[in-house]
Structures are given as structure tokens and as C-alpha cells.
Amino acid sequence: MQLAKLHDTSTYLIAPDPGRAGLTRAISGTDHTGAPVTACVVEERPLTIFLNSQEIVTAMTIGDYPDYLALGFLRNQGMLRLEDEITGVDYDEELETVVVRTARKTDYEEKMRKKTRTSGCAVGTVFGDMMAGLDGVTLPQTQVRTSWLYALSAQINRTPSLYLEAGAIHGTVLCHEDKPLVYMEDVGRHNAVDKIAGWMLAEGVNAADKVLYTTGRLTSEMVIKTAMMGIPVLVSRSGFTAWGVEIAQQVGLTLIGRMKGQRFVCLSGEPRLIRDADPAAIPQEPRRAGRKAAE
């Protein structure tokens, strides 16, 4: 048994486009019996992000929404301030670069020397002083209904996506109550979150009443980025890291993982939950569901 895919994604402001040119490639090979097969595989390419004249990072990405990825990465790293005036975002497809320009003069050479590589896939980059960005962060006590979470999980996992088309991809979805709004995918879960953050920054979207849903592990960086975005609830089909849980508890983030079918585990922020749905009334997720937890 497999969950039926949704045929109508019009409720999304941005939905995955698995048929978009350049995101996948067909490659010939053989299967376990030696028979010829053709596999649809995800493309990845480098994207170098500049802030004014300073080269910041080169990330491996699927290449869609480079402007949102750059804006979100810089915002989540604390390089773009909320009060910054962004004077331009210029993407050069041939050079595979995106330059974000601000009215404020920036110089992050010292900060660049502190950068470290985090756990996870693709380029998950966090700076040594990123934790300092959480100082003074206060998340709203917006309540979240378990009926919303069940509805979101069912809809998101049936949405046509690159994951269902080719695998080897992570998804992150910005949601409001029981409605998924913006669904981003990338080879790294960090990139997918940054695209969401960039879209929110560009559109001036309020984070206080939002839920962030991800297919990836609930690691320290995922928790930090969600908190810095001002989103009070982070949900995943996958599991937790201890440091991720510890940081969520420190900042008061509601952290829900292992959400499959009628089951989930909440390790932080329990007071936000309104348990208005009877788990027994929620269908069990088939063993061979349309989407497995992305690790």
C-alpha cells in the first residue's frame, strides 16, 4: 500500500516542481540482477554567495531559488540584520554566483576565519559564534493544535516532489496552522531551511504563527536557524540530536520529531500543544509510505 499523491498543489504559495528542467538527470545503469535500468538522479551544482565584495561560502545546491538561498543563509548566519537595507540581489547563472548588496558597509573577514563544517549533508556551515545570535531570542507562545500537525504531515508527504521523483533530497515546508505554504527542497536540509528564511525576508512574512516542517534530523543547527527565524515550532519525520534538544529547551522552541502516522515525540515546548485530535482516529502510516524519513 502506498499513499496516493496529491494532484492539486494550488494551496501552496511555492510548491516543488519535480519536472523543472535541470533539477534531475536520467542515468543508465544496471540493477541487482544485471538488467539495464535508467535512474532519475538529482543534479547538484556549486553556488558561491557574496555579501557586497566579500566572498562568504560556496554551497552545493540543486540550483533553484538562488536569491532566497543567499538571503536566508546570510540572515541565519547573522550577517544580514533585520534593519539592513538590501539594495540588490544579483545572480549570475554562468558564473554560479549570487551577490547580495546592502546599504551598510560590511566586513566579515574575522568571522570567516571562525567558520566550521557541521554534521549533515551538502555544506552545512555554522560559525563559531553562531550561538551568540540566540542571545535575547524570545519565541512567541503561539499554540499549535495536534490536528494541524496530523493534517500537515498527511498533505506534505503526498505532495509531488523531487524526493518522490528521485530521492537523495531534503524538504522543508513553512506552514500556517494546517496549511503548508512554501515547500523548498535541496541536497542539504540546511539549504532548504535557508531558502525558506530568504523567502520570508524578501516577502516580509511574520514568523510568530508559523510551523516549520522538515524531513531531516533535528540537529543543533536546524534548531538554531528555526529560532533565529522567530518560528516557535519545528517538526520532523526524523529523529533528534541531544544538543538540538538542549538548545530547543533553552530557547523555548517546541520540538517534535519521529512524526509518522498517528505517532510523534515532543522533547521541548510541550505547553504550546493543544491535543485536540484523538491519535486512535488518525490512520496508521503504511509501512511502504510515499515518503520515508530522510536521514
Protein backbone atom coordinates (compact mmCIF):
# COMPACT_ATOMS: atom_id res chain seq x y z
CA MET A 1 0.00 0.00 0.00
CA GLN A 2 1.27 3.47 -0.88
CA LEU A 3 -0.16 6.89 -0.07
CA ALA A 4 -1.75 8.49 -3.13
CA LYS A 5 -0.01 11.59 -4.41
CA LEU A 6 -1.86 14.87 -4.34
CA HIS A 7 -2.99 16.14 -7.73
CA ASP A 8 -3.72 19.70 -6.61
CA THR A 9 -0.88 21.77 -5.12
CA SER A 10 -2.61 25.12 -5.69
CA THR A 11 -2.85 25.70 -1.94
CA TYR A 12 0.92 26.20 -1.83
CA LEU A 13 2.46 29.61 -2.47
CA ILE A 14 5.56 27.75 -3.66
CA ALA A 15 5.39 24.02 -4.35
CA PRO A 16 8.07 21.60 -5.55
CA ASP A 17 8.42 21.34 -9.32
CA PRO A 18 9.98 17.91 -9.91
CA GLY A 19 9.59 18.31 -13.68
CA ARG A 20 11.59 21.54 -13.83
CA ALA A 21 14.44 21.36 -16.34
CA GLY A 22 17.92 20.97 -14.88
CA LEU A 23 16.93 19.54 -11.48
CA THR A 24 17.33 15.86 -12.40
CA ARG A 25 19.14 13.76 -14.98
CA ALA A 26 18.44 10.27 -16.32
CA ILE A 27 21.45 7.96 -15.98
CA SER A 28 21.72 4.41 -17.29
CA GLY A 29 22.98 1.55 -15.13
CA THR A 30 22.15 -1.97 -14.04
CA ASP A 31 20.12 -3.41 -11.18
CA HIS A 32 20.91 -6.23 -8.72
CA THR A 33 20.21 -8.83 -11.42
CA GLY A 34 22.40 -7.15 -14.01
CA ALA A 35 19.39 -5.94 -16.00
CA PRO A 36 19.69 -2.47 -17.57
CA VAL A 37 17.88 0.34 -15.76
CA THR A 38 17.55 4.10 -16.07
CA ALA A 39 17.62 6.07 -12.83
CA CYS A 40 16.43 9.63 -12.31
CA VAL A 41 19.07 11.35 -10.16
CA VAL A 42 19.21 14.82 -8.63
CA GLU A 43 21.65 17.36 -10.06
CA GLU A 44 23.87 19.38 -7.72
CA ARG A 45 25.99 22.37 -8.56
CA PRO A 46 28.07 24.95 -6.67
CA LEU A 47 26.72 28.36 -5.75
CA THR A 48 29.10 30.98 -4.38
CA ILE A 49 27.48 33.60 -2.15
CA PHE A 50 28.93 37.11 -1.81
CA LEU A 51 27.89 39.81 0.62
CA ASN A 52 28.88 43.04 -1.10
CA SER A 53 32.54 42.45 -2.06
CA GLN A 54 33.20 39.64 0.45
CA GLU A 55 33.03 36.01 -0.69
CA ILE A 56 31.19 34.16 2.07
CA VAL A 57 30.70 30.49 1.14
CA THR A 58 30.28 28.06 -1.73
CA ALA A 59 27.36 25.70 -1.19
CA MET A 60 26.34 22.64 -3.18
CA THR A 61 22.71 23.09 -4.20
CA ILE A 62 20.16 21.95 -6.76
CA GLY A 63 20.22 25.46 -8.20
CA ASP A 64 16.66 26.68 -7.78
CA TYR A 65 15.85 29.89 -5.90
CA PRO A 66 19.49 31.06 -5.54
CA ASP A 67 18.35 34.51 -4.37
CA TYR A 68 16.31 33.07 -1.50
CA LEU A 69 19.15 30.70 -0.58
CA ALA A 70 21.67 33.56 -0.40
CA LEU A 71 19.39 35.87 1.57
CA GLY A 72 18.40 33.14 4.00
CA PHE A 73 21.93 31.89 4.55
CA LEU A 74 23.24 35.38 5.30
CA ARG A 75 20.29 36.14 7.57
CA ASN A 76 20.63 32.88 9.51
CA GLN A 77 24.36 33.44 9.94
CA GLY A 78 23.68 36.87 11.44
CA MET A 79 25.38 38.68 8.56
CA LEU A 80 22.18 40.36 7.45
CA ARG A 81 20.44 42.38 10.14
CA LEU A 82 16.71 42.94 10.22
CA GLU A 83 17.30 46.68 9.81
CA ASP A 84 19.60 46.26 6.81
CA GLU A 85 18.56 47.91 3.57
CA ILE A 86 19.11 45.37 0.79
CA THR A 87 19.94 47.31 -2.34
CA GLY A 88 20.27 44.37 -4.71
CA VAL A 89 20.45 40.61 -5.19
CA ASP A 90 22.29 39.73 -8.39
CA TYR A 91 22.51 36.15 -9.68
CA ASP A 92 24.91 35.17 -12.47
CA GLU A 93 23.97 31.73 -13.76
CA GLU A 94 27.11 31.37 -15.89
CA LEU A 95 29.47 32.23 -13.01
CA GLU A 96 27.28 30.37 -10.49
CA THR A 97 27.41 33.29 -8.06
CA VAL A 98 24.88 35.42 -6.24
CA VAL A 99 25.79 38.80 -4.76
CA VAL A 100 23.69 40.36 -2.01
CA ARG A 101 24.25 44.10 -1.68
CA THR A 102 23.42 46.25 1.34
CA ALA A 103 23.50 49.96 2.06
CA ARG A 104 25.54 49.14 5.17
CA LYS A 105 29.24 48.55 4.63
CA THR A 106 30.11 45.00 5.75
CA ASP A 107 33.40 43.29 6.59
CA TYR A 108 33.24 39.73 7.86
CA GLU A 109 36.86 38.63 7.31
CA GLU A 110 37.37 37.90 11.01
CA LYS A 111 34.10 35.99 11.20
CA MET A 112 35.03 33.97 8.11
CA ARG A 113 38.13 32.66 9.88
CA LYS A 114 35.87 31.10 12.53
CA LYS A 115 33.67 29.07 10.23
CA THR A 116 33.39 25.33 10.84
CA ARG A 117 31.68 22.47 8.98
CA THR A 118 28.70 20.95 10.80
CA SER A 119 27.18 17.48 10.67
CA GLY A 120 24.72 16.78 7.91
CA CYS A 121 24.75 16.66 4.15
CA ALA A 122 25.96 19.08 1.49
CA VAL A 123 27.51 22.20 3.03
CA GLY A 124 26.05 22.85 6.46
CA THR A 125 28.19 25.76 7.62
CA VAL A 126 27.94 27.34 11.04
CA PHE A 127 30.20 29.99 12.52
CA GLY A 128 31.88 29.55 15.90
CA ASP A 129 29.89 32.43 17.38
CA MET A 130 26.52 31.48 15.88
CA MET A 131 25.16 30.56 19.31
CA ALA A 132 25.64 34.20 20.27
CA GLY A 133 22.89 35.02 17.78
CA LEU A 134 20.40 33.36 20.14
CA ASP A 135 21.09 35.87 22.92
CA GLY A 136 17.88 37.70 23.60
CA VAL A 137 15.77 35.49 21.30
CA THR A 138 12.23 35.21 22.68
CA LEU A 139 9.84 32.95 20.80
CA PRO A 140 6.10 33.66 20.86
CA GLN A 141 3.88 31.33 22.88
CA THR A 142 1.70 30.60 19.87
CA GLN A 143 -0.33 27.45 20.45
CA VAL A 144 -0.35 24.62 17.95
CA ARG A 145 -3.09 22.01 17.58
CA THR A 146 -2.17 18.37 17.08
CA SER A 147 -4.94 18.15 14.47
CA TRP A 148 -2.95 20.69 12.41
CA LEU A 149 0.21 18.60 12.70
CA TYR A 150 -1.53 15.43 11.55
CA ALA A 151 -3.11 17.25 8.60
CA LEU A 152 0.22 18.82 7.61
CA SER A 153 2.06 15.53 7.75
CA ALA A 154 -0.52 13.78 5.58
CA GLN A 155 -0.57 16.53 2.94
CA ILE A 156 3.17 17.20 2.78
CA ASN A 157 4.10 13.54 2.44
CA ARG A 158 1.75 13.15 -0.53
CA THR A 159 2.88 16.28 -2.36
CA PRO A 160 4.72 15.59 -5.66
CA SER A 161 8.37 16.37 -5.01
CA LEU A 162 11.93 15.72 -6.08
CA TYR A 163 12.16 13.24 -3.22
CA LEU A 164 9.36 11.12 -4.64
CA GLU A 165 10.83 11.56 -8.13
CA ALA A 166 14.49 10.83 -7.45
CA GLY A 167 15.28 10.67 -3.72
CA ALA A 168 18.60 11.99 -2.31
CA ILE A 169 16.93 15.24 -1.29
CA HIS A 170 15.63 17.02 1.79
CA GLY A 171 12.45 19.06 2.11
CA THR A 172 11.45 21.91 4.40
CA VAL A 173 7.96 23.42 4.50
CA LEU A 174 6.75 26.68 6.05
CA CYS A 175 3.23 26.18 7.39
CA HIS A 176 0.42 28.18 8.98
CA GLU A 177 -1.96 26.18 11.14
CA ASP A 178 -2.95 23.18 8.97
CA LYS A 179 -1.88 24.75 5.66
CA PRO A 180 1.55 24.22 4.04
CA LEU A 181 2.65 27.46 2.36
CA VAL A 182 6.17 27.23 0.94
CA TYR A 183 7.88 23.90 0.20
CA MET A 184 11.61 24.02 -0.58
CA GLU A 185 13.93 21.11 -1.39
CA ASP A 186 17.71 20.76 -1.65
CA VAL A 187 20.53 18.27 -1.28
CA GLY A 188 21.18 19.67 2.20
CA ARG A 189 18.46 20.30 4.76
CA HIS A 190 20.33 23.48 5.80
CA ASN A 191 19.94 24.87 2.27
CA ALA A 192 16.22 24.09 2.25
CA VAL A 193 15.75 25.98 5.54
CA ASP A 194 17.79 28.93 4.25
CA LYS A 195 15.57 29.17 1.16
CA ILE A 196 12.54 29.42 3.46
CA ALA A 197 14.29 32.12 5.52
CA GLY A 198 15.20 34.04 2.36
CA TRP A 199 11.63 33.93 1.08
CA MET A 200 10.33 35.18 4.43
CA LEU A 201 12.87 38.00 4.46
CA ALA A 202 12.09 39.04 0.88
CA GLU A 203 8.32 38.94 1.45
CA GLY A 204 8.31 40.40 4.96
CA VAL A 205 6.46 37.38 6.38
CA ASN A 206 5.62 37.21 10.10
CA ALA A 207 7.10 34.13 11.78
CA ALA A 208 5.17 34.20 15.06
CA ASP A 209 2.27 31.99 13.93
CA LYS A 210 4.23 29.62 11.70
CA VAL A 211 5.34 25.98 11.93
CA LEU A 212 8.47 24.68 10.19
CA TYR A 213 8.27 21.10 8.94
CA THR A 214 11.43 19.28 7.81
CA THR A 215 12.30 15.79 6.61
CA GLY A 216 15.79 15.97 8.13
CA ARG A 217 17.27 15.31 11.55
CA LEU A 218 16.60 17.81 14.31
CA THR A 219 20.20 18.89 14.84
CA SER A 220 21.64 21.87 16.70
CA GLU A 221 21.90 23.98 13.55
CA MET A 222 18.33 23.24 12.47
CA VAL A 223 17.10 24.33 15.90
CA ILE A 224 19.30 27.46 15.92
CA LYS A 225 18.16 28.54 12.46
CA THR A 226 14.49 28.00 13.29
CA ALA A 227 14.81 30.02 16.50
CA MET A 228 16.70 32.83 14.75
CA MET A 229 13.92 32.96 12.15
CA GLY A 230 11.46 33.51 15.03
CA ILE A 231 9.44 30.34 14.29
CA PRO A 232 8.18 28.75 17.54
CA VAL A 233 7.53 25.17 16.33
CA LEU A 234 9.83 22.73 14.46
CA VAL A 235 8.52 19.34 13.32
CA SER A 236 10.24 16.42 11.61
CA ARG A 237 9.64 12.85 10.49
CA SER A 238 13.18 12.11 11.61
CA GLY A 239 14.91 12.00 15.00
CA PHE A 240 16.81 14.31 17.33
CA THR A 241 20.33 15.06 18.44
CA ALA A 242 20.88 15.71 22.15
CA TRP A 243 22.37 19.15 21.55
CA GLY A 244 19.46 20.07 19.29
CA VAL A 245 17.03 19.19 22.08
CA GLU A 246 19.10 21.06 24.67
CA ILE A 247 19.14 24.26 22.61
CA ALA A 248 15.40 23.97 21.88
CA GLN A 249 14.74 23.72 25.61
CA GLN A 250 16.96 26.74 26.30
CA VAL A 251 15.16 29.00 23.81
CA GLY A 252 11.66 27.59 24.41
CA LEU A 253 11.20 26.07 20.94
CA THR A 254 8.56 23.35 20.55
CA LEU A 255 10.47 20.41 19.05
CA ILE A 256 8.54 17.46 17.63
CA GLY A 257 10.20 14.50 15.92
CA ARG A 258 9.52 10.96 14.68
CA MET A 259 6.16 12.13 13.36
CA LYS A 260 4.73 9.26 11.33
CA GLY A 261 1.06 8.40 11.07
CA GLN A 262 -0.55 8.81 14.49
CA ARG A 263 2.76 8.91 16.40
CA PHE A 264 5.14 11.72 17.36
CA VAL A 265 7.53 12.61 20.18
CA CYS A 266 7.75 16.10 21.73
CA LEU A 267 11.01 16.77 23.63
CA SER A 268 10.68 20.52 24.13
CA GLY A 269 7.93 23.13 24.31
CA GLU A 270 5.08 20.81 25.32
CA PRO A 271 2.93 23.67 26.78
CA ARG A 272 2.24 25.01 23.25
CA LEU A 273 0.47 21.79 22.23
CA ILE A 274 -3.31 21.59 22.22
CA ARG A 275 -4.16 17.90 21.91
CA ASP A 276 -7.43 18.24 20.04
CA ALA A 277 -7.08 15.11 17.90
CA ASP A 278 -7.54 11.53 19.06
CA PRO A 279 -4.46 9.61 17.83
CA ALA A 280 -6.57 6.46 17.52
CA ALA A 281 -8.64 8.22 14.85
CA ILE A 282 -5.56 9.00 12.74
CA PRO A 283 -4.76 6.33 10.10
CA GLN A 284 -1.57 4.39 10.66
CA GLU A 285 1.03 5.23 8.05
CA PRO A 286 1.61 2.31 5.68
CA ARG A 287 4.97 0.60 6.09
CA ARG A 288 5.85 1.47 2.50
CA ALA A 289 4.62 5.06 2.61
CA GLY A 290 5.22 7.57 -0.16
CA ARG A 291 7.97 9.30 1.82
CA LYS A 292 10.42 7.77 4.24
CA ALA A 293 12.25 9.77 6.88
CA ALA A 294 15.22 11.47 5.30
CA GLU A 295 18.31 10.89 7.41
